[in-house]
Amino acid sequence: MKMNSFSYYIWLSTVQFCHEFKINVILIVSMALGLLFPIFCLGNINVFVQNIETMRIQGGADTTVLTLYGVDVAFQDVQRAIQNVGIKSADFALIAYCNSTVDWNDKRHSEVVYYTTENITDFEMFVPVAGESVFSKNQNTCIIEKADLEQYGELSIGDTVTVDGQAYKLAGVYSSVRNNGKIFLPLAPQTSKGALQYSRIYFRNTQQSDLERLCTALETIGLKVRSVRNGEQDFQKLLSQCIQQSVLIFSAGAVSLLFAGLNIGLVLTGKILHNKRLIGIHMALGSSYSTELFSALVENLLCFAAAFILDLALVQLLRPTVPQTFALALTAGVYIGAFVFGAGMVLPVTWATMRNLKRRKLVELMERVS
């Protein structure tokens, strides 16, 4: 085997990797743990970037959004109050929510579910992932945001979801930042629900005088109107909230990346300095600096590759434990970005440390490490 051949580099790297197995295991685990949190942060920011358009209210400034609060108010009373001011059923949509017990795949859990009128898709944007983003109270169907399936287990279109004892057939899976991880169920006049809390009402082409009369009527039946905004204002408010959250997450991710970079740099530097005597012996026996540099690069990149594979496994293992409110979109771009960052740290740190060793005399390199 020629000393400067490619096969020699690989052989030398493999021998050194096995020789320093314990140190390499520590290096792999350190790099994997250092990159784990940044991967989750990038995945959360990626959700916002990918789905920004789903936060828009259809109709924009021509749509009015009432944010409400009220418990145990009959839907018939809300519907009657709206119709009494001359607003037709086709021109408004309502969302109410409730803490419910949900069963699917023979597993039971508690979560907040949304009850809504069928025409909610005329006001909010639901990006279909599977099936259709529509449902009907006559067919007892529902739609589920994809993050909910990632949290509690996969379902196929047509499978049954039971909410507080009522069976619904899954009509579609959708993607939405505004309604991340939510189940939407049909809200009908006959719906009887304890602790039903009203959240939002959307109106299309409604006069200001009608809205004022409606707010008074809603407060009369026990609903408190918290805000009145048009669709564009509501979008801007949600966008601002998401940007603030993304800035905080990005800052946390950046800090964790900085610590990950420092961790990788310190461990790699310590590892190479620990091996300086072995490097000195190799060079005394005729090995060139370029051979030792390439060997160290290959060995450290192998360690990083192993750490990255460990990260992929840890992400899949920990993903079900991530809170539902922390949406994730762990696409190939997120993993590629994390890999490029890690590899980008390994290469210059290895080169700089080896460059520093090159300036030393062979006698200094071959001194025993105490």
Protein backbone atom coordinates (compact mmCIF):
# COMPACT_ATOMS: atom_id res chain seq x y z
CA MET A 1 0.00 0.00 0.00
CA LYS A 2 1.53 3.32 -1.07
CA MET A 3 1.88 5.88 1.69
CA ASN A 4 0.30 8.71 -0.32
CA SER A 5 -2.49 6.66 -1.92
CA PHE A 6 -6.15 7.27 -1.16
CA SER A 7 -6.56 3.75 0.25
CA TYR A 8 -3.73 4.49 2.67
CA TYR A 9 -5.55 7.60 3.94
CA ILE A 10 -8.70 5.56 4.56
CA TRP A 11 -6.75 2.75 6.22
CA LEU A 12 -4.88 5.18 8.48
CA SER A 13 -8.09 7.01 9.42
CA THR A 14 -9.84 3.74 10.25
CA VAL A 15 -6.93 2.52 12.39
CA GLN A 16 -6.80 5.82 14.31
CA PHE A 17 -10.58 5.83 14.72
CA CYS A 18 -10.49 2.36 16.32
CA HIS A 19 -7.40 3.21 18.37
CA GLU A 20 -9.13 6.23 19.91
CA PHE A 21 -12.56 4.59 20.10
CA LYS A 22 -13.46 5.91 23.56
CA ILE A 23 -12.53 9.49 22.68
CA ASN A 24 -14.41 9.20 19.38
CA VAL A 25 -17.55 7.98 21.14
CA ILE A 26 -17.41 11.04 23.43
CA LEU A 27 -16.88 13.24 20.37
CA ILE A 28 -19.83 11.68 18.51
CA VAL A 29 -22.22 12.02 21.46
CA SER A 30 -21.09 15.61 22.13
CA MET A 31 -21.63 16.67 18.51
CA ALA A 32 -25.00 14.88 18.33
CA LEU A 33 -26.34 16.54 21.49
CA GLY A 34 -24.99 19.91 20.38
CA LEU A 35 -26.91 19.81 17.08
CA LEU A 36 -30.15 18.30 18.41
CA PHE A 37 -31.84 21.47 19.71
CA PRO A 38 -30.84 23.60 16.67
CA ILE A 39 -32.47 20.98 14.40
CA PHE A 40 -35.76 21.33 16.29
CA CYS A 41 -35.49 25.15 16.17
CA LEU A 42 -34.90 25.11 12.42
CA GLY A 43 -37.85 22.74 12.02
CA ASN A 44 -40.15 25.13 13.88
CA ILE A 45 -39.05 28.19 11.88
CA ASN A 46 -39.48 26.16 8.70
CA VAL A 47 -43.20 25.70 9.53
CA PHE A 48 -43.67 29.46 9.59
CA VAL A 49 -41.73 30.00 6.35
CA GLN A 50 -43.57 27.25 4.48
CA ASN A 51 -47.09 28.15 5.60
CA ILE A 52 -47.16 31.93 5.85
CA GLU A 53 -49.93 32.16 3.25
CA THR A 54 -52.21 29.88 5.28
CA MET A 55 -52.42 32.60 7.94
CA ARG A 56 -54.30 34.93 5.59
CA ILE A 57 -58.04 35.45 5.93
CA GLN A 58 -59.83 34.99 2.62
CA GLY A 59 -61.46 38.23 1.58
CA GLY A 60 -58.79 40.33 3.31
CA ALA A 61 -60.04 43.75 4.36
CA ASP A 62 -63.59 42.88 3.20
CA THR A 63 -63.85 40.23 5.93
CA THR A 64 -64.50 41.12 9.57
CA VAL A 65 -63.16 38.99 12.41
CA LEU A 66 -64.77 39.08 15.86
CA THR A 67 -62.71 37.54 18.67
CA LEU A 68 -65.04 36.28 21.39
CA TYR A 69 -65.16 34.65 24.76
CA GLY A 70 -68.17 32.88 26.25
CA VAL A 71 -68.99 29.51 27.78
CA ASP A 72 -72.12 27.35 27.52
CA VAL A 73 -73.95 29.63 25.11
CA ALA A 74 -76.28 27.70 22.78
CA PHE A 75 -75.30 27.84 19.12
CA GLN A 76 -78.95 28.47 18.19
CA ASP A 77 -78.85 31.70 20.24
CA VAL A 78 -75.67 32.86 18.51
CA GLN A 79 -77.09 32.03 15.09
CA ARG A 80 -80.35 33.81 15.90
CA ALA A 81 -78.53 36.94 17.10
CA ILE A 82 -76.55 37.07 13.84
CA GLN A 83 -79.57 36.53 11.63
CA ASN A 84 -81.63 39.14 13.53
CA VAL A 85 -79.30 41.88 12.28
CA GLY A 86 -79.83 40.75 8.68
CA ILE A 87 -76.67 38.67 8.12
CA LYS A 88 -77.26 35.52 6.07
CA SER A 89 -75.88 32.11 7.07
CA ALA A 90 -73.65 32.00 3.98
CA ASP A 91 -71.98 35.28 5.00
CA PHE A 92 -70.62 34.21 8.38
CA ALA A 93 -68.64 31.35 9.89
CA LEU A 94 -68.12 30.56 13.55
CA ILE A 95 -65.46 28.67 15.52
CA ALA A 96 -65.92 27.39 19.07
CA TYR A 97 -63.61 25.10 21.00
CA CYS A 98 -63.83 22.57 23.78
CA ASN A 99 -61.55 20.37 25.87
CA SER A 100 -62.50 16.88 24.74
CA THR A 101 -61.56 13.23 24.99
CA VAL A 102 -60.45 11.91 21.60
CA ASP A 103 -60.08 8.25 20.56
CA TRP A 104 -58.41 6.84 17.45
CA ASN A 105 -56.34 3.75 16.74
CA ASP A 106 -57.62 2.40 20.08
CA LYS A 107 -55.76 5.16 21.90
CA ARG A 108 -57.37 7.85 24.06
CA HIS A 109 -56.05 11.33 24.78
CA SER A 110 -57.33 14.77 25.75
CA GLU A 111 -57.03 17.80 23.53
CA VAL A 112 -58.80 20.98 22.45
CA VAL A 113 -61.02 20.42 19.40
CA TYR A 114 -62.68 23.07 17.22
CA TYR A 115 -66.36 23.05 16.35
CA THR A 116 -67.21 25.17 13.33
CA THR A 117 -69.83 25.90 10.71
CA GLU A 118 -69.29 24.09 7.41
CA ASN A 119 -68.36 27.22 5.44
CA ILE A 120 -65.26 27.95 7.54
CA THR A 121 -63.18 27.07 4.47
CA ASP A 122 -64.66 30.17 2.77
CA PHE A 123 -62.83 32.35 5.32
CA GLU A 124 -59.76 30.45 6.53
CA MET A 125 -57.17 28.76 4.31
CA PHE A 126 -56.73 25.02 4.67
CA VAL A 127 -53.96 23.50 2.53
CA PRO A 128 -54.97 19.90 1.72
CA VAL A 129 -52.40 17.23 2.55
CA ALA A 130 -54.66 14.21 2.02
CA GLY A 131 -58.33 13.85 1.19
CA GLU A 132 -60.33 17.10 1.18
CA SER A 133 -60.40 20.06 3.55
CA VAL A 134 -64.20 19.98 3.76
CA PHE A 135 -66.68 18.23 5.99
CA SER A 136 -70.41 17.92 6.43
CA LYS A 137 -72.53 17.74 9.56
CA ASN A 138 -74.89 15.42 7.72
CA GLN A 139 -72.13 12.85 7.22
CA ASN A 140 -70.44 13.34 10.60
CA THR A 141 -67.05 13.93 9.01
CA CYS A 142 -64.04 15.86 10.34
CA ILE A 143 -60.70 17.25 9.18
CA ILE A 144 -57.42 17.13 11.12
CA GLU A 145 -54.28 19.28 10.91
CA LYS A 146 -51.25 17.11 10.12
CA ALA A 147 -49.36 18.00 13.32
CA ASP A 148 -52.08 16.26 15.33
CA LEU A 149 -51.43 13.02 13.46
CA GLU A 150 -47.69 13.37 14.07
CA GLN A 151 -48.43 13.84 17.77
CA TYR A 152 -50.97 11.08 18.35
CA GLY A 153 -50.59 8.58 15.51
CA GLU A 154 -51.40 8.19 11.83
CA LEU A 155 -54.88 7.84 10.37
CA SER A 156 -56.11 7.08 6.87
CA ILE A 157 -58.91 8.89 5.07
CA GLY A 158 -62.18 7.23 6.05
CA ASP A 159 -60.95 6.08 9.48
CA THR A 160 -63.11 6.77 12.51
CA VAL A 161 -62.27 9.41 15.12
CA THR A 162 -64.36 9.43 18.30
CA VAL A 163 -64.75 12.71 20.19
CA ASP A 164 -66.54 12.55 23.55
CA GLY A 165 -68.36 9.41 22.42
CA GLN A 166 -69.43 10.80 19.02
CA ALA A 167 -67.95 9.03 15.96
CA TYR A 168 -66.69 11.07 12.99
CA LYS A 169 -65.20 9.89 9.72
CA LEU A 170 -61.90 11.49 8.69
CA ALA A 171 -62.54 13.42 5.46
CA GLY A 172 -59.19 15.11 5.07
CA VAL A 173 -55.83 16.15 6.50
CA TYR A 174 -54.76 19.78 6.13
CA SER A 175 -51.81 22.06 6.90
CA SER A 176 -52.25 25.39 8.70
CA VAL A 177 -50.15 27.60 10.98
CA ARG A 178 -53.25 29.38 12.30
CA ASN A 179 -54.87 26.08 13.31
CA ASN A 180 -51.78 23.97 13.99
CA GLY A 181 -52.60 20.52 15.39
CA LYS A 182 -56.37 21.06 15.52
CA ILE A 183 -59.33 18.78 14.77
CA PHE A 184 -62.27 20.55 13.11
CA LEU A 185 -65.74 19.14 13.75
CA PRO A 186 -69.10 20.32 12.32
CA LEU A 187 -71.08 22.63 14.59
CA ALA A 188 -74.81 22.17 13.99
CA PRO A 189 -77.82 23.78 15.72
CA GLN A 190 -78.47 20.51 17.55
CA THR A 191 -74.92 20.35 18.91
CA SER A 192 -75.10 20.02 22.68
CA LYS A 193 -71.77 20.67 24.31
CA GLY A 194 -70.84 21.47 27.87
CA ALA A 195 -68.11 24.08 28.38
CA LEU A 196 -68.24 25.08 24.69
CA GLN A 197 -66.15 28.26 24.39
CA TYR A 198 -66.67 30.63 21.48
CA SER A 199 -63.53 31.86 19.76
CA ARG A 200 -64.06 33.66 16.44
CA ILE A 201 -66.81 34.74 14.05
CA TYR A 202 -66.05 35.75 10.46
CA PHE A 203 -68.32 38.06 8.47
CA ARG A 204 -68.30 38.98 4.82
CA ASN A 205 -69.40 42.41 3.49
CA THR A 206 -71.00 43.56 6.75
CA GLN A 207 -71.91 47.17 7.52
CA GLN A 208 -70.40 48.86 10.58
CA SER A 209 -73.86 49.62 12.00
CA ASP A 210 -74.81 45.93 11.75
CA LEU A 211 -71.61 44.95 13.55
CA GLU A 212 -72.32 47.35 16.39
CA ARG A 213 -75.85 45.96 16.80
CA LEU A 214 -74.49 42.41 16.64
CA CYS A 215 -71.86 43.04 19.33
CA THR A 216 -74.58 44.33 21.63
CA ALA A 217 -76.78 41.31 20.91
CA LEU A 218 -73.91 38.85 21.50
CA GLU A 219 -73.04 40.44 24.84
CA THR A 220 -76.71 40.17 25.81
CA ILE A 221 -76.65 36.37 25.41
CA GLY A 222 -73.41 36.03 27.37
CA LEU A 223 -70.59 36.44 24.82
CA LYS A 224 -67.86 39.01 25.37
CA VAL A 225 -66.45 40.62 22.21
CA ARG A 226 -62.71 41.06 22.75
CA SER A 227 -61.73 42.58 19.42
CA VAL A 228 -63.10 43.57 16.01
CA ARG A 229 -60.63 43.53 13.11
CA ASN A 230 -60.76 43.14 9.37
CA GLY A 231 -59.10 40.15 7.74
CA GLU A 232 -55.94 42.04 6.78
CA GLN A 233 -55.48 43.43 10.30
CA ASP A 234 -56.01 39.96 11.76
CA PHE A 235 -53.39 38.53 9.38
CA GLN A 236 -50.88 41.25 10.29
CA LYS A 237 -51.42 40.62 14.01
CA LEU A 238 -50.91 36.87 13.65
CA LEU A 239 -47.91 37.44 11.37
CA SER A 240 -46.37 39.76 13.96
CA GLN A 241 -46.90 37.18 16.71
CA CYS A 242 -45.32 34.43 14.58
CA ILE A 243 -42.34 36.64 13.70
CA GLN A 244 -41.78 37.46 17.38
CA GLN A 245 -41.96 33.77 18.25
CA SER A 246 -39.65 32.89 15.35
CA VAL A 247 -37.14 35.56 16.45
CA LEU A 248 -37.07 34.09 19.95
CA ILE A 249 -36.73 30.56 18.60
CA PHE A 250 -34.13 31.67 16.05
CA SER A 251 -32.16 33.40 18.82
CA ALA A 252 -32.31 30.27 20.98
CA GLY A 253 -31.27 28.20 17.98
CA ALA A 254 -28.42 30.58 17.15
CA VAL A 255 -27.14 30.50 20.73
CA SER A 256 -27.37 26.70 20.78
CA LEU A 257 -25.58 26.56 17.43
CA LEU A 258 -22.84 28.78 18.86
CA PHE A 259 -22.43 26.47 21.83
CA ALA A 260 -22.57 23.47 19.49
CA GLY A 261 -19.80 25.03 17.39
CA LEU A 262 -17.68 25.78 20.45
CA ASN A 263 -18.30 22.27 21.75
CA ILE A 264 -17.28 20.69 18.44
CA GLY A 265 -14.22 22.93 18.24
CA LEU A 266 -13.03 22.22 21.78
CA VAL A 267 -13.56 18.47 21.56
CA LEU A 268 -11.87 18.24 18.15
CA THR A 269 -8.94 20.38 19.28
CA GLY A 270 -8.50 18.30 22.42
CA LYS A 271 -8.70 15.09 20.42
CA ILE A 272 -6.05 16.18 17.89
CA LEU A 273 -3.73 17.50 20.61
CA HIS A 274 -4.18 14.21 22.44
CA ASN A 275 -2.97 12.45 19.26
CA LYS A 276 -0.03 14.80 18.60
CA ARG A 277 2.56 12.21 19.74
CA LEU A 278 1.11 9.63 17.32
CA ILE A 279 1.13 12.23 14.55
CA GLY A 280 4.75 13.08 15.37
CA ILE A 281 5.77 9.40 15.19
CA HIS A 282 4.04 9.02 11.81
CA MET A 283 5.83 12.08 10.43
CA ALA A 284 9.18 10.86 11.82
CA LEU A 285 8.64 7.60 9.95
CA GLY A 286 8.11 9.47 6.70
CA SER A 287 4.46 10.41 6.64
CA SER A 288 3.82 13.89 5.21
CA TYR A 289 1.87 16.71 6.81
CA SER A 290 -0.75 16.51 4.06
CA THR A 291 -1.23 12.80 4.77
CA GLU A 292 -1.80 13.43 8.48
CA LEU A 293 -4.10 16.39 7.74
CA PHE A 294 -6.21 14.38 5.31
CA SER A 295 -6.33 11.46 7.73
CA ALA A 296 -7.49 13.71 10.57
CA LEU A 297 -10.12 15.32 8.33
CA VAL A 298 -11.49 11.94 7.23
CA GLU A 299 -11.56 10.63 10.80
CA ASN A 300 -13.31 13.70 12.18
CA LEU A 301 -15.82 13.78 9.32
CA LEU A 302 -16.57 10.11 10.00
CA CYS A 303 -17.23 11.04 13.63
CA PHE A 304 -19.51 13.88 12.55
CA ALA A 305 -21.36 11.62 10.10
CA ALA A 306 -21.94 9.14 12.93
CA ALA A 307 -23.14 12.00 15.17
CA PHE A 308 -25.52 13.21 12.47
CA ILE A 309 -26.98 9.70 12.03
CA LEU A 310 -27.43 9.56 15.81
CA ASP A 311 -29.25 12.91 15.61
CA LEU A 312 -31.63 11.56 12.95
CA ALA A 313 -32.51 8.68 15.27
CA LEU A 314 -32.90 10.95 18.32
CA VAL A 315 -35.17 13.36 16.42
CA GLN A 316 -37.54 10.53 15.48
CA LEU A 317 -37.41 9.21 19.05
CA LEU A 318 -38.08 12.58 20.71
CA ARG A 319 -40.51 14.02 18.17
CA PRO A 320 -43.64 12.46 19.78
CA THR A 321 -42.72 14.14 23.08
CA VAL A 322 -42.50 17.64 21.57
CA PRO A 323 -45.47 19.82 22.69
CA GLN A 324 -48.21 20.07 20.08
CA THR A 325 -47.96 23.87 20.09
CA PHE A 326 -44.32 23.63 18.92
CA ALA A 327 -44.99 22.90 15.24
CA LEU A 328 -42.24 21.15 13.29
CA ALA A 329 -41.47 20.81 9.59
CA LEU A 330 -38.33 18.68 9.56
CA THR A 331 -37.74 18.67 5.81
CA ALA A 332 -34.61 17.70 3.92
CA GLY A 333 -33.57 21.38 3.90
CA VAL A 334 -33.48 21.47 7.72
CA TYR A 335 -31.28 18.39 7.91
CA ILE A 336 -29.02 19.60 5.09
CA GLY A 337 -28.60 22.96 6.85
CA ALA A 338 -27.64 21.26 10.13
CA PHE A 339 -25.23 18.92 8.34
CA VAL A 340 -23.55 21.74 6.42
CA PHE A 341 -23.13 23.76 9.63
CA GLY A 342 -21.56 20.83 11.48
CA ALA A 343 -19.27 19.86 8.62
CA GLY A 344 -18.37 23.52 8.22
CA MET A 345 -17.16 23.53 11.83
CA VAL A 346 -15.22 20.25 11.57
CA LEU A 347 -13.14 21.23 8.53
CA PRO A 348 -11.67 24.59 9.67
CA VAL A 349 -11.13 23.46 13.28
CA THR A 350 -9.25 20.36 12.12
CA TRP A 351 -7.20 22.36 9.62
CA ALA A 352 -6.32 25.12 12.14
CA THR A 353 -5.28 22.65 14.85
CA MET A 354 -3.19 20.57 12.46
CA ARG A 355 -1.64 23.77 11.08
CA ASN A 356 -0.59 24.69 14.60
CA LEU A 357 1.02 21.25 15.07
CA LYS A 358 2.93 21.64 11.80
CA ARG A 359 4.81 24.61 13.24
CA ARG A 360 6.18 22.50 16.10
CA LYS A 361 9.33 20.44 15.96
CA LEU A 362 9.05 16.66 15.73
CA VAL A 363 10.68 16.32 19.15
CA GLU A 364 7.94 18.45 20.68
CA LEU A 365 5.23 16.45 18.92
CA MET A 366 6.60 13.13 20.15
CA GLU A 367 6.66 14.20 23.81
CA ARG A 368 4.35 12.05 25.90
CA VAL A 369 1.04 13.57 26.89
CA SER A 370 0.83 13.64 30.68
